[in-house]
Amino acid sequence: MMKHLRFLLWQASLLLLPLHALQATPTDSLIALLPTLPHDSLRLEVLHEITLNLQHTPAQESYARQLIAEAELQQNDSQRCAGLYLLMLYYYNNTDDTDSLLHWLSQLKPVALRIHDYRDYFDSKKLVINNYIYSQQYEYAIALAEEMALEAKEKAYIDGTAAAYFCLANAYNETGRLKEESIALKQIHNLFPQLRYTNIKL
């Protein structure tokens, strides 16, 4: 009931925006709405949506940082993990800065593991591994992917296990280790029916 009421208030507040704001994109409308929102879960949801919508733009970094700061203020670990992952995604897509990715992963890991947010944690780890592969640091990538596979198995997180094997297959392919690549691909194939998130399947 409370969520429904908050949604109605949000919709009503959109009507108060100037006409030019209503004619802008949905993301522009959310950005215009943001300063009027109190520091509560709705503000976090709006920041999360803006950050998602601004992927592949320079503004993604700024809004991801705002989401992290707001989540810390509200002590919302789930949104903090989401913000950290989106910040890592920005660095992954726009820089070759593995050190920054490792730094933000170290911030995300204890929070994500504490609240069992395995999706953001293992997706973030996958970004680091792929960055090692793209920078041709294959042995680092393989070592981290093997560690990720073991960790995901321990936590019975199938998508994380599959993502680790996917990273291993890529690294083995790049280094011409076709036998090892084939084994990793078979492991993914065996896990395929159990996968929950479609981004692993792509």
N, C-alpha and C. Protein backbone atom coordinates (compact mmCIF):
# COMPACT_ATOMS: atom_id res chain seq x y z
N MET A 1 0.83 -1.19 0.00
CA MET A 1 0.00 0.00 0.00
C MET A 1 0.87 1.25 0.00
N MET A 2 1.91 1.23 0.86
CA MET A 2 2.80 2.38 0.95
C MET A 2 3.55 2.60 -0.36
N LYS A 3 4.01 1.51 -0.99
CA LYS A 3 4.71 1.64 -2.26
C LYS A 3 3.78 2.21 -3.32
N HIS A 4 2.53 1.76 -3.32
CA HIS A 4 1.56 2.26 -4.29
C HIS A 4 1.34 3.75 -4.10
N LEU A 5 1.23 4.19 -2.84
CA LEU A 5 1.03 5.60 -2.54
C LEU A 5 2.24 6.42 -2.98
N ARG A 6 3.44 5.90 -2.71
CA ARG A 6 4.66 6.61 -3.11
C ARG A 6 4.75 6.74 -4.62
N PHE A 7 4.34 5.68 -5.33
CA PHE A 7 4.36 5.73 -6.79
C PHE A 7 3.40 6.81 -7.30
N LEU A 8 2.21 6.88 -6.70
CA LEU A 8 1.23 7.90 -7.10
C LEU A 8 1.76 9.31 -6.84
N LEU A 9 2.43 9.49 -5.69
CA LEU A 9 3.03 10.80 -5.38
C LEU A 9 4.11 11.16 -6.39
N TRP A 10 4.89 10.14 -6.77
CA TRP A 10 5.93 10.37 -7.77
C TRP A 10 5.30 10.81 -9.09
N GLN A 11 4.27 10.09 -9.52
CA GLN A 11 3.59 10.44 -10.77
C GLN A 11 3.00 11.84 -10.69
N ALA A 12 2.40 12.18 -9.55
CA ALA A 12 1.82 13.52 -9.37
C ALA A 12 2.89 14.59 -9.45
N SER A 13 4.06 14.30 -8.90
CA SER A 13 5.13 15.30 -8.92
C SER A 13 5.61 15.56 -10.34
N LEU A 14 5.51 14.56 -11.21
CA LEU A 14 5.88 14.76 -12.61
C LEU A 14 4.99 15.80 -13.28
N LEU A 15 3.74 15.84 -12.85
CA LEU A 15 2.81 16.81 -13.41
C LEU A 15 3.17 18.24 -13.05
N LEU A 16 3.93 18.40 -11.97
CA LEU A 16 4.32 19.74 -11.52
C LEU A 16 5.56 20.25 -12.25
N LEU A 17 6.22 19.38 -12.99
CA LEU A 17 7.40 19.81 -13.73
C LEU A 17 7.01 20.74 -14.87
N PRO A 18 7.91 21.65 -15.25
CA PRO A 18 7.62 22.53 -16.40
C PRO A 18 7.35 21.71 -17.65
N LEU A 19 6.61 22.28 -18.56
CA LEU A 19 6.20 21.59 -19.79
C LEU A 19 7.41 21.09 -20.57
N HIS A 20 8.48 21.92 -20.64
CA HIS A 20 9.64 21.48 -21.42
C HIS A 20 10.29 20.25 -20.81
N ALA A 21 10.21 20.10 -19.48
CA ALA A 21 10.76 18.91 -18.84
C ALA A 21 9.95 17.68 -19.19
N LEU A 22 8.62 17.83 -19.28
CA LEU A 22 7.77 16.70 -19.63
C LEU A 22 7.98 16.26 -21.07
N GLN A 23 8.42 17.19 -21.92
CA GLN A 23 8.65 16.86 -23.31
C GLN A 23 10.04 16.26 -23.53
N ALA A 24 10.86 16.26 -22.50
CA ALA A 24 12.19 15.69 -22.59
C ALA A 24 12.09 14.17 -22.49
N THR A 25 13.25 13.52 -22.52
CA THR A 25 13.28 12.06 -22.42
C THR A 25 12.88 11.65 -21.00
N PRO A 26 12.47 10.39 -20.82
CA PRO A 26 12.15 9.93 -19.46
C PRO A 26 13.32 10.11 -18.49
N THR A 27 14.54 9.91 -18.96
CA THR A 27 15.70 10.09 -18.09
C THR A 27 15.85 11.54 -17.68
N ASP A 28 15.64 12.46 -18.63
CA ASP A 28 15.70 13.89 -18.30
C ASP A 28 14.66 14.24 -17.24
N SER A 29 13.48 13.65 -17.35
CA SER A 29 12.43 13.91 -16.37
C SER A 29 12.83 13.39 -14.99
N LEU A 30 13.48 12.22 -14.95
CA LEU A 30 13.93 11.68 -13.67
C LEU A 30 15.02 12.57 -13.06
N ILE A 31 15.91 13.06 -13.91
CA ILE A 31 16.98 13.95 -13.43
C ILE A 31 16.39 15.24 -12.87
N ALA A 32 15.36 15.77 -13.55
CA ALA A 32 14.70 16.98 -13.06
C ALA A 32 13.97 16.72 -11.75
N LEU A 33 13.44 15.53 -11.59
CA LEU A 33 12.70 15.17 -10.39
C LEU A 33 13.61 14.95 -9.19
N LEU A 34 14.82 14.48 -9.44
CA LEU A 34 15.72 14.03 -8.38
C LEU A 34 15.91 15.05 -7.24
N PRO A 35 16.15 16.33 -7.52
CA PRO A 35 16.38 17.28 -6.40
C PRO A 35 15.17 17.45 -5.48
N THR A 36 13.99 17.10 -5.95
CA THR A 36 12.78 17.28 -5.14
C THR A 36 12.50 16.09 -4.21
N LEU A 37 13.24 15.02 -4.38
CA LEU A 37 12.95 13.80 -3.63
C LEU A 37 13.63 13.80 -2.27
N PRO A 38 12.96 13.28 -1.26
CA PRO A 38 13.59 13.12 0.05
C PRO A 38 14.60 11.98 0.01
N HIS A 39 15.40 11.89 1.05
CA HIS A 39 16.42 10.84 1.12
C HIS A 39 15.77 9.55 1.62
N ASP A 40 15.10 8.87 0.70
CA ASP A 40 14.43 7.61 1.04
C ASP A 40 14.61 6.62 -0.10
N SER A 41 13.92 5.49 -0.03
CA SER A 41 14.12 4.43 -1.02
C SER A 41 13.73 4.85 -2.43
N LEU A 42 12.76 5.76 -2.55
CA LEU A 42 12.37 6.22 -3.88
C LEU A 42 13.52 6.98 -4.55
N ARG A 43 14.22 7.78 -3.76
CA ARG A 43 15.38 8.50 -4.31
C ARG A 43 16.43 7.52 -4.82
N LEU A 44 16.66 6.45 -4.05
CA LEU A 44 17.60 5.43 -4.49
C LEU A 44 17.14 4.76 -5.78
N GLU A 45 15.87 4.45 -5.87
CA GLU A 45 15.34 3.81 -7.08
C GLU A 45 15.49 4.72 -8.30
N VAL A 46 15.24 6.03 -8.10
CA VAL A 46 15.37 6.98 -9.21
C VAL A 46 16.84 7.10 -9.63
N LEU A 47 17.75 7.21 -8.66
CA LEU A 47 19.18 7.27 -8.99
C LEU A 47 19.63 6.02 -9.72
N HIS A 48 19.15 4.86 -9.27
CA HIS A 48 19.51 3.59 -9.92
C HIS A 48 19.02 3.60 -11.37
N GLU A 49 17.78 4.01 -11.58
CA GLU A 49 17.21 4.04 -12.93
C GLU A 49 17.97 5.01 -13.83
N ILE A 50 18.31 6.18 -13.31
CA ILE A 50 19.07 7.17 -14.10
C ILE A 50 20.42 6.58 -14.50
N THR A 51 21.10 5.96 -13.53
CA THR A 51 22.43 5.40 -13.80
C THR A 51 22.36 4.29 -14.85
N LEU A 52 21.35 3.45 -14.74
CA LEU A 52 21.16 2.40 -15.76
C LEU A 52 20.91 3.01 -17.13
N ASN A 53 20.07 4.03 -17.18
CA ASN A 53 19.71 4.65 -18.46
C ASN A 53 20.87 5.39 -19.10
N LEU A 54 21.84 5.82 -18.28
CA LEU A 54 22.96 6.61 -18.80
C LEU A 54 24.21 5.77 -19.05
N GLN A 55 24.04 4.44 -19.10
CA GLN A 55 25.18 3.60 -19.46
C GLN A 55 25.71 4.01 -20.82
N HIS A 56 27.02 3.91 -20.97
CA HIS A 56 27.72 4.27 -22.21
C HIS A 56 27.71 5.78 -22.45
N THR A 57 27.50 6.56 -21.38
CA THR A 57 27.64 8.02 -21.47
C THR A 57 28.58 8.46 -20.35
N PRO A 58 29.22 9.63 -20.51
CA PRO A 58 30.11 10.12 -19.45
C PRO A 58 29.39 10.35 -18.12
N ALA A 59 28.09 10.63 -18.17
CA ALA A 59 27.33 10.92 -16.95
C ALA A 59 27.14 9.69 -16.06
N GLN A 60 27.37 8.49 -16.60
CA GLN A 60 27.16 7.28 -15.81
C GLN A 60 28.02 7.29 -14.55
N GLU A 61 29.26 7.73 -14.67
CA GLU A 61 30.16 7.72 -13.51
C GLU A 61 29.61 8.61 -12.39
N SER A 62 29.19 9.82 -12.74
CA SER A 62 28.70 10.77 -11.74
C SER A 62 27.48 10.22 -11.01
N TYR A 63 26.52 9.67 -11.75
CA TYR A 63 25.30 9.16 -11.11
C TYR A 63 25.55 7.87 -10.34
N ALA A 64 26.49 7.05 -10.80
CA ALA A 64 26.84 5.85 -10.03
C ALA A 64 27.43 6.26 -8.68
N ARG A 65 28.28 7.28 -8.70
CA ARG A 65 28.87 7.77 -7.44
C ARG A 65 27.79 8.37 -6.53
N GLN A 66 26.84 9.08 -7.13
CA GLN A 66 25.73 9.61 -6.32
C GLN A 66 24.91 8.48 -5.71
N LEU A 67 24.68 7.43 -6.48
CA LEU A 67 23.92 6.29 -5.98
C LEU A 67 24.65 5.63 -4.81
N ILE A 68 25.97 5.46 -4.94
CA ILE A 68 26.75 4.85 -3.87
C ILE A 68 26.67 5.72 -2.61
N ALA A 69 26.87 7.03 -2.77
CA ALA A 69 26.85 7.94 -1.62
C ALA A 69 25.48 7.94 -0.94
N GLU A 70 24.43 7.97 -1.74
CA GLU A 70 23.07 7.98 -1.19
C GLU A 70 22.77 6.65 -0.48
N ALA A 71 23.22 5.56 -1.06
CA ALA A 71 23.01 4.24 -0.44
C ALA A 71 23.75 4.15 0.89
N GLU A 72 24.96 4.70 0.93
CA GLU A 72 25.71 4.71 2.18
C GLU A 72 24.99 5.57 3.23
N LEU A 73 24.48 6.72 2.80
CA LEU A 73 23.73 7.60 3.71
C LEU A 73 22.52 6.88 4.30
N GLN A 74 21.83 6.14 3.45
CA GLN A 74 20.62 5.44 3.89
C GLN A 74 20.89 4.04 4.43
N GLN A 75 22.16 3.66 4.44
CA GLN A 75 22.57 2.32 4.90
C GLN A 75 21.82 1.22 4.14
N ASN A 76 21.73 1.40 2.82
CA ASN A 76 21.07 0.44 1.96
C ASN A 76 22.16 -0.33 1.19
N ASP A 77 22.52 -1.50 1.71
CA ASP A 77 23.62 -2.26 1.12
C ASP A 77 23.32 -2.77 -0.28
N SER A 78 22.09 -3.11 -0.54
CA SER A 78 21.73 -3.63 -1.86
C SER A 78 21.96 -2.58 -2.94
N GLN A 79 21.51 -1.35 -2.70
CA GLN A 79 21.71 -0.29 -3.68
C GLN A 79 23.17 0.14 -3.74
N ARG A 80 23.87 0.02 -2.63
CA ARG A 80 25.30 0.33 -2.64
C ARG A 80 26.03 -0.63 -3.57
N CYS A 81 25.71 -1.92 -3.48
CA CYS A 81 26.31 -2.91 -4.38
C CYS A 81 25.98 -2.60 -5.83
N ALA A 82 24.72 -2.25 -6.08
CA ALA A 82 24.31 -1.91 -7.45
C ALA A 82 25.10 -0.73 -7.97
N GLY A 83 25.27 0.29 -7.13
CA GLY A 83 26.03 1.47 -7.55
C GLY A 83 27.48 1.15 -7.81
N LEU A 84 28.08 0.34 -6.95
CA LEU A 84 29.48 -0.04 -7.14
C LEU A 84 29.66 -0.84 -8.43
N TYR A 85 28.72 -1.75 -8.70
CA TYR A 85 28.81 -2.52 -9.94
C TYR A 85 28.69 -1.60 -11.16
N LEU A 86 27.74 -0.65 -11.11
CA LEU A 86 27.56 0.26 -12.24
C LEU A 86 28.76 1.18 -12.41
N LEU A 87 29.41 1.55 -11.32
CA LEU A 87 30.64 2.35 -11.42
C LEU A 87 31.75 1.52 -12.06
N MET A 88 31.87 0.26 -11.64
CA MET A 88 32.86 -0.62 -12.26
C MET A 88 32.58 -0.81 -13.74
N LEU A 89 31.31 -0.92 -14.08
CA LEU A 89 30.93 -1.08 -15.48
C LEU A 89 31.36 0.13 -16.30
N TYR A 90 31.23 1.31 -15.70
CA TYR A 90 31.69 2.54 -16.38
C TYR A 90 33.18 2.46 -16.65
N TYR A 91 33.97 2.10 -15.61
CA TYR A 91 35.42 2.02 -15.78
C TYR A 91 35.78 0.93 -16.80
N TYR A 92 35.08 -0.17 -16.76
CA TYR A 92 35.34 -1.27 -17.69
C TYR A 92 35.11 -0.85 -19.14
N ASN A 93 34.01 -0.11 -19.37
CA ASN A 93 33.66 0.28 -20.73
C ASN A 93 34.46 1.47 -21.25
N ASN A 94 35.04 2.25 -20.35
CA ASN A 94 35.64 3.52 -20.79
C ASN A 94 37.12 3.67 -20.49
N THR A 95 37.70 2.75 -19.74
CA THR A 95 39.13 2.86 -19.43
C THR A 95 39.77 1.48 -19.51
N ASP A 96 41.09 1.46 -19.38
CA ASP A 96 41.83 0.20 -19.25
C ASP A 96 42.39 0.07 -17.84
N ASP A 97 41.73 0.71 -16.89
CA ASP A 97 42.25 0.87 -15.54
C ASP A 97 41.86 -0.31 -14.64
N THR A 98 42.66 -1.36 -14.70
CA THR A 98 42.39 -2.54 -13.88
C THR A 98 42.52 -2.23 -12.39
N ASP A 99 43.43 -1.33 -12.04
CA ASP A 99 43.61 -0.98 -10.62
C ASP A 99 42.34 -0.40 -10.02
N SER A 100 41.66 0.45 -10.79
CA SER A 100 40.40 1.03 -10.30
C SER A 100 39.33 -0.05 -10.16
N LEU A 101 39.28 -0.96 -11.12
CA LEU A 101 38.31 -2.05 -11.03
C LEU A 101 38.57 -2.90 -9.78
N LEU A 102 39.82 -3.19 -9.51
CA LEU A 102 40.17 -3.98 -8.33
C LEU A 102 39.82 -3.22 -7.05
N HIS A 103 40.06 -1.91 -7.06
CA HIS A 103 39.72 -1.09 -5.89
C HIS A 103 38.23 -1.15 -5.59
N TRP A 104 37.41 -0.94 -6.62
CA TRP A 104 35.96 -0.91 -6.39
C TRP A 104 35.43 -2.31 -6.07
N LEU A 105 36.06 -3.34 -6.65
CA LEU A 105 35.68 -4.71 -6.29
C LEU A 105 35.95 -4.97 -4.81
N SER A 106 37.06 -4.44 -4.31
CA SER A 106 37.39 -4.63 -2.89
C SER A 106 36.38 -3.92 -1.99
N GLN A 107 35.77 -2.84 -2.48
CA GLN A 107 34.72 -2.14 -1.74
C GLN A 107 33.41 -2.92 -1.79
N LEU A 108 33.14 -3.51 -2.94
CA LEU A 108 31.87 -4.22 -3.14
C LEU A 108 31.85 -5.58 -2.44
N LYS A 109 32.96 -6.29 -2.47
CA LYS A 109 32.99 -7.69 -2.02
C LYS A 109 32.44 -7.90 -0.61
N PRO A 110 32.93 -7.20 0.42
CA PRO A 110 32.44 -7.51 1.77
C PRO A 110 30.96 -7.21 1.95
N VAL A 111 30.48 -6.16 1.30
CA VAL A 111 29.06 -5.80 1.40
C VAL A 111 28.21 -6.85 0.70
N ALA A 112 28.60 -7.19 -0.54
CA ALA A 112 27.82 -8.15 -1.34
C ALA A 112 27.77 -9.52 -0.68
N LEU A 113 28.89 -9.98 -0.15
CA LEU A 113 28.91 -11.29 0.48
C LEU A 113 28.10 -11.30 1.78
N ARG A 114 28.13 -10.18 2.49
CA ARG A 114 27.36 -10.11 3.73
C ARG A 114 25.86 -10.23 3.48
N ILE A 115 25.40 -9.61 2.38
CA ILE A 115 23.95 -9.63 2.10
C ILE A 115 23.57 -10.68 1.05
N HIS A 116 24.55 -11.49 0.67
CA HIS A 116 24.34 -12.56 -0.32
C HIS A 116 23.91 -12.01 -1.68
N ASP A 117 24.48 -10.87 -2.08
CA ASP A 117 24.21 -10.30 -3.40
C ASP A 117 25.26 -10.87 -4.36
N TYR A 118 25.07 -12.14 -4.68
CA TYR A 118 26.07 -12.82 -5.49
C TYR A 118 26.08 -12.34 -6.95
N ARG A 119 24.95 -11.88 -7.42
CA ARG A 119 24.90 -11.46 -8.81
C ARG A 119 25.84 -10.27 -9.05
N ASP A 120 25.69 -9.20 -8.27
CA ASP A 120 26.57 -8.03 -8.45
C ASP A 120 28.02 -8.39 -8.19
N TYR A 121 28.26 -9.23 -7.19
CA TYR A 121 29.64 -9.59 -6.85
C TYR A 121 30.32 -10.35 -7.99
N PHE A 122 29.68 -11.42 -8.47
CA PHE A 122 30.33 -12.22 -9.50
C PHE A 122 30.33 -11.52 -10.86
N ASP A 123 29.32 -10.70 -11.14
CA ASP A 123 29.36 -9.90 -12.37
C ASP A 123 30.51 -8.91 -12.33
N SER A 124 30.79 -8.36 -11.13
CA SER A 124 31.90 -7.43 -10.98
C SER A 124 33.24 -8.13 -11.16
N LYS A 125 33.32 -9.33 -10.62
CA LYS A 125 34.55 -10.11 -10.76
C LYS A 125 34.80 -10.44 -12.25
N LYS A 126 33.71 -10.73 -12.94
CA LYS A 126 33.82 -11.03 -14.37
C LYS A 126 34.38 -9.83 -15.14
N LEU A 127 34.01 -8.61 -14.74
CA LEU A 127 34.54 -7.41 -15.39
C LEU A 127 36.06 -7.35 -15.24
N VAL A 128 36.54 -7.63 -14.03
CA VAL A 128 37.99 -7.60 -13.79
C VAL A 128 38.70 -8.65 -14.64
N ILE A 129 38.16 -9.85 -14.68
CA ILE A 129 38.78 -10.93 -15.45
C ILE A 129 38.81 -10.58 -16.94
N ASN A 130 37.69 -10.09 -17.46
CA ASN A 130 37.65 -9.72 -18.87
C ASN A 130 38.63 -8.59 -19.17
N ASN A 131 38.81 -7.68 -18.22
CA ASN A 131 39.77 -6.60 -18.43
C ASN A 131 41.19 -7.15 -18.52
N TYR A 132 41.49 -8.15 -17.70
CA TYR A 132 42.79 -8.81 -17.81
C TYR A 132 42.95 -9.47 -19.18
N ILE A 133 41.89 -10.11 -19.66
CA ILE A 133 41.96 -10.76 -20.97
C ILE A 133 42.21 -9.74 -22.07
N TYR A 134 41.47 -8.63 -22.05
CA TYR A 134 41.62 -7.61 -23.10
C TYR A 134 42.99 -6.94 -23.05
N SER A 135 43.60 -6.91 -21.86
CA SER A 135 44.94 -6.32 -21.77
C SER A 135 46.03 -7.38 -21.91
N GLN A 136 45.61 -8.57 -22.33
CA GLN A 136 46.51 -9.69 -22.62
C GLN A 136 47.31 -10.17 -21.41
N GLN A 137 46.72 -10.02 -20.22
CA GLN A 137 47.31 -10.56 -19.00
C GLN A 137 46.57 -11.87 -18.69
N TYR A 138 46.83 -12.84 -19.54
CA TYR A 138 46.02 -14.06 -19.54
C TYR A 138 46.17 -14.90 -18.27
N GLU A 139 47.37 -14.97 -17.73
CA GLU A 139 47.57 -15.82 -16.55
C GLU A 139 46.84 -15.24 -15.33
N TYR A 140 46.84 -13.91 -15.21
CA TYR A 140 46.04 -13.28 -14.15
C TYR A 140 44.57 -13.62 -14.34
N ALA A 141 44.11 -13.52 -15.59
CA ALA A 141 42.70 -13.80 -15.88
C ALA A 141 42.34 -15.24 -15.53
N ILE A 142 43.19 -16.18 -15.92
CA ILE A 142 42.91 -17.59 -15.66
C ILE A 142 42.91 -17.88 -14.15
N ALA A 143 43.89 -17.34 -13.44
CA ALA A 143 43.96 -17.57 -11.99
C ALA A 143 42.72 -17.02 -11.29
N LEU A 144 42.30 -15.81 -11.68
CA LEU A 144 41.13 -15.20 -11.04
C LEU A 144 39.84 -15.93 -11.43
N ALA A 145 39.76 -16.40 -12.67
CA ALA A 145 38.58 -17.14 -13.11
C ALA A 145 38.47 -18.48 -12.39
N GLU A 146 39.60 -19.16 -12.19
CA GLU A 146 39.59 -20.42 -11.44
C GLU A 146 39.15 -20.19 -10.00
N GLU A 147 39.65 -19.11 -9.40
CA GLU A 147 39.25 -18.74 -8.04
C GLU A 147 37.75 -18.43 -7.99
N MET A 148 37.28 -17.72 -9.01
CA MET A 148 35.86 -17.36 -9.08
C MET A 148 34.98 -18.61 -9.21
N ALA A 149 35.41 -19.58 -10.02
CA ALA A 149 34.63 -20.81 -10.18
C ALA A 149 34.51 -21.56 -8.86
N LEU A 150 35.61 -21.66 -8.13
CA LEU A 150 35.58 -22.35 -6.83
C LEU A 150 34.67 -21.63 -5.84
N GLU A 151 34.80 -20.29 -5.81
CA GLU A 151 34.00 -19.50 -4.88
C GLU A 151 32.51 -19.60 -5.19
N ALA A 152 32.18 -19.53 -6.48
CA ALA A 152 30.77 -19.63 -6.88
C ALA A 152 30.21 -21.02 -6.57
N LYS A 153 31.02 -22.06 -6.77
CA LYS A 153 30.57 -23.42 -6.43
C LYS A 153 30.31 -23.54 -4.93
N GLU A 154 31.19 -22.97 -4.13
CA GLU A 154 31.03 -23.02 -2.67
C GLU A 154 29.72 -22.36 -2.24
N LYS A 155 29.35 -21.32 -2.97
CA LYS A 155 28.13 -20.58 -2.62
C LYS A 155 26.91 -21.11 -3.40
N ALA A 156 27.11 -22.16 -4.17
CA ALA A 156 26.04 -22.77 -4.97
C ALA A 156 25.36 -21.74 -5.86
N TYR A 157 26.18 -20.82 -6.42
CA TYR A 157 25.65 -19.79 -7.31
C TYR A 157 26.00 -20.18 -8.75
N ILE A 158 25.06 -20.83 -9.40
CA ILE A 158 25.30 -21.43 -10.72
C ILE A 158 25.72 -20.40 -11.76
N ASP A 159 25.07 -19.24 -11.76
CA ASP A 159 25.40 -18.22 -12.76
C ASP A 159 26.85 -17.74 -12.62
N GLY A 160 27.32 -17.64 -11.37
CA GLY A 160 28.70 -17.25 -11.15
C GLY A 160 29.68 -18.31 -11.62
N THR A 161 29.32 -19.57 -11.42
CA THR A 161 30.16 -20.67 -11.88
C THR A 161 30.25 -20.66 -13.40
N ALA A 162 29.11 -20.49 -14.05
CA ALA A 162 29.08 -20.45 -15.52
C ALA A 162 29.88 -19.26 -16.05
N ALA A 163 29.73 -18.11 -15.40
CA ALA A 163 30.46 -16.91 -15.83
C ALA A 163 31.96 -17.13 -15.70
N ALA A 164 32.39 -17.83 -14.64
CA ALA A 164 33.81 -18.11 -14.47
C ALA A 164 34.33 -19.02 -15.59
N TYR A 165 33.56 -20.05 -15.93
CA TYR A 165 33.96 -20.94 -17.03
C TYR A 165 33.97 -20.20 -18.37
N PHE A 166 33.04 -19.27 -18.52
CA PHE A 166 33.01 -18.45 -19.75
C PHE A 166 34.30 -17.64 -19.86
N CYS A 167 34.72 -17.04 -18.74
CA CYS A 167 35.98 -16.28 -18.72
C CYS A 167 37.16 -17.19 -19.02
N LEU A 168 37.15 -18.39 -18.42
CA LEU A 168 38.24 -19.34 -18.68
C LEU A 168 38.29 -19.72 -20.16
N ALA A 169 37.12 -19.99 -20.75
CA ALA A 169 37.07 -20.35 -22.17
C ALA A 169 37.66 -19.24 -23.03
N ASN A 170 37.33 -17.99 -22.71
CA ASN A 170 37.87 -16.86 -23.48
C ASN A 170 39.39 -16.77 -23.34
N ALA A 171 39.86 -16.91 -22.11
CA ALA A 171 41.31 -16.81 -21.88
C ALA A 171 42.05 -17.96 -22.57
N TYR A 172 41.49 -19.17 -22.48
CA TYR A 172 42.12 -20.32 -23.14
C TYR A 172 42.10 -20.15 -24.66
N ASN A 173 41.01 -19.61 -25.19
CA ASN A 173 40.93 -19.37 -26.63
C ASN A 173 42.01 -18.40 -27.08
N GLU A 174 42.19 -17.33 -26.31
CA GLU A 174 43.18 -16.31 -26.67
C GLU A 174 44.61 -16.85 -26.61
N THR A 175 44.83 -17.87 -25.80
CA THR A 175 46.19 -18.42 -25.66
C THR A 175 46.36 -19.73 -26.42
N GLY A 176 45.37 -20.09 -27.23
CA GLY A 176 45.49 -21.27 -28.07
C GLY A 176 45.41 -22.59 -27.34
N ARG A 177 44.88 -22.59 -26.12
CA ARG A 177 44.75 -23.84 -25.36
C ARG A 177 43.37 -24.43 -25.64
N LEU A 178 43.28 -25.07 -26.79
CA LEU A 178 41.97 -25.50 -27.28
C LEU A 178 41.37 -26.63 -26.44
N LYS A 179 42.22 -27.52 -25.90
CA LYS A 179 41.70 -28.60 -25.07
C LYS A 179 41.05 -28.04 -23.81
N GLU A 180 41.74 -27.10 -23.15
CA GLU A 180 41.21 -26.49 -21.94
C GLU A 180 39.96 -25.67 -22.24
N GLU A 181 39.97 -24.99 -23.39
CA GLU A 181 38.80 -24.22 -23.81
C GLU A 181 37.59 -25.13 -23.98
N SER A 182 37.81 -26.29 -24.61
CA SER A 182 36.73 -27.24 -24.85
C SER A 182 36.14 -27.74 -23.53
N ILE A 183 37.00 -28.01 -22.55
CA ILE A 183 36.53 -28.47 -21.23
C ILE A 183 35.69 -27.40 -20.57
N ALA A 184 36.15 -26.15 -20.63
CA ALA A 184 35.40 -25.04 -20.02
C ALA A 184 34.04 -24.87 -20.70
N LEU A 185 34.01 -24.98 -22.01
CA LEU A 185 32.75 -24.83 -22.74
C LEU A 185 31.77 -25.96 -22.40
N LYS A 186 32.29 -27.16 -22.21
CA LYS A 186 31.42 -28.28 -21.81
C LYS A 186 30.83 -28.03 -20.42
N GLN A 187 31.63 -27.45 -19.54
CA GLN A 187 31.14 -27.12 -18.19
C GLN A 187 29.99 -26.12 -18.28
N ILE A 188 30.14 -25.11 -19.15
CA ILE A 188 29.07 -24.12 -19.33
C ILE A 188 27.82 -24.81 -19.88
N HIS A 189 28.04 -25.66 -20.87
CA HIS A 189 26.91 -26.36 -21.49
C HIS A 189 26.13 -27.18 -20.45
N ASN A 190 26.85 -27.82 -19.55
CA ASN A 190 26.19 -28.63 -18.52
C ASN A 190 25.37 -27.77 -17.56
N LEU A 191 25.82 -26.55 -17.34
CA LEU A 191 25.13 -25.65 -16.40
C LEU A 191 24.00 -24.86 -17.06
N PHE A 192 24.01 -24.82 -18.38
CA PHE A 192 23.11 -23.94 -19.13
C PHE A 192 21.64 -24.03 -18.72
N PRO A 193 21.07 -25.22 -18.55
CA PRO A 193 19.64 -25.28 -18.20
C PRO A 193 19.32 -24.69 -16.83
N GLN A 194 20.34 -24.57 -15.96
CA GLN A 194 20.09 -24.09 -14.60
C GLN A 194 20.30 -22.59 -14.46
N LEU A 195 20.78 -21.93 -15.51
CA LEU A 195 21.10 -20.51 -15.40
C LEU A 195 19.85 -19.68 -15.18
N ARG A 196 20.00 -18.69 -14.32
CA ARG A 196 18.87 -17.85 -13.96
C ARG A 196 18.81 -16.58 -14.79
N TYR A 197 19.98 -15.98 -15.04
CA TYR A 197 20.03 -14.67 -15.70
C TYR A 197 20.46 -14.83 -17.15
N THR A 198 19.73 -14.19 -18.04
CA THR A 198 19.98 -14.39 -19.47
C THR A 198 21.29 -13.78 -19.93
N ASN A 199 21.85 -12.79 -19.17
CA ASN A 199 23.09 -12.18 -19.65
C ASN A 199 24.23 -13.18 -19.66
N ILE A 200 24.16 -14.23 -18.85
CA ILE A 200 25.18 -15.28 -18.88
C ILE A 200 25.04 -16.10 -20.15
N LYS A 201 23.82 -16.20 -20.66
CA LYS A 201 23.55 -17.06 -21.81
C LYS A 201 23.95 -16.43 -23.13
N LEU A 202 24.25 -15.14 -23.11
CA LEU A 202 24.55 -14.47 -24.37
C LEU A 202 25.99 -14.68 -24.77
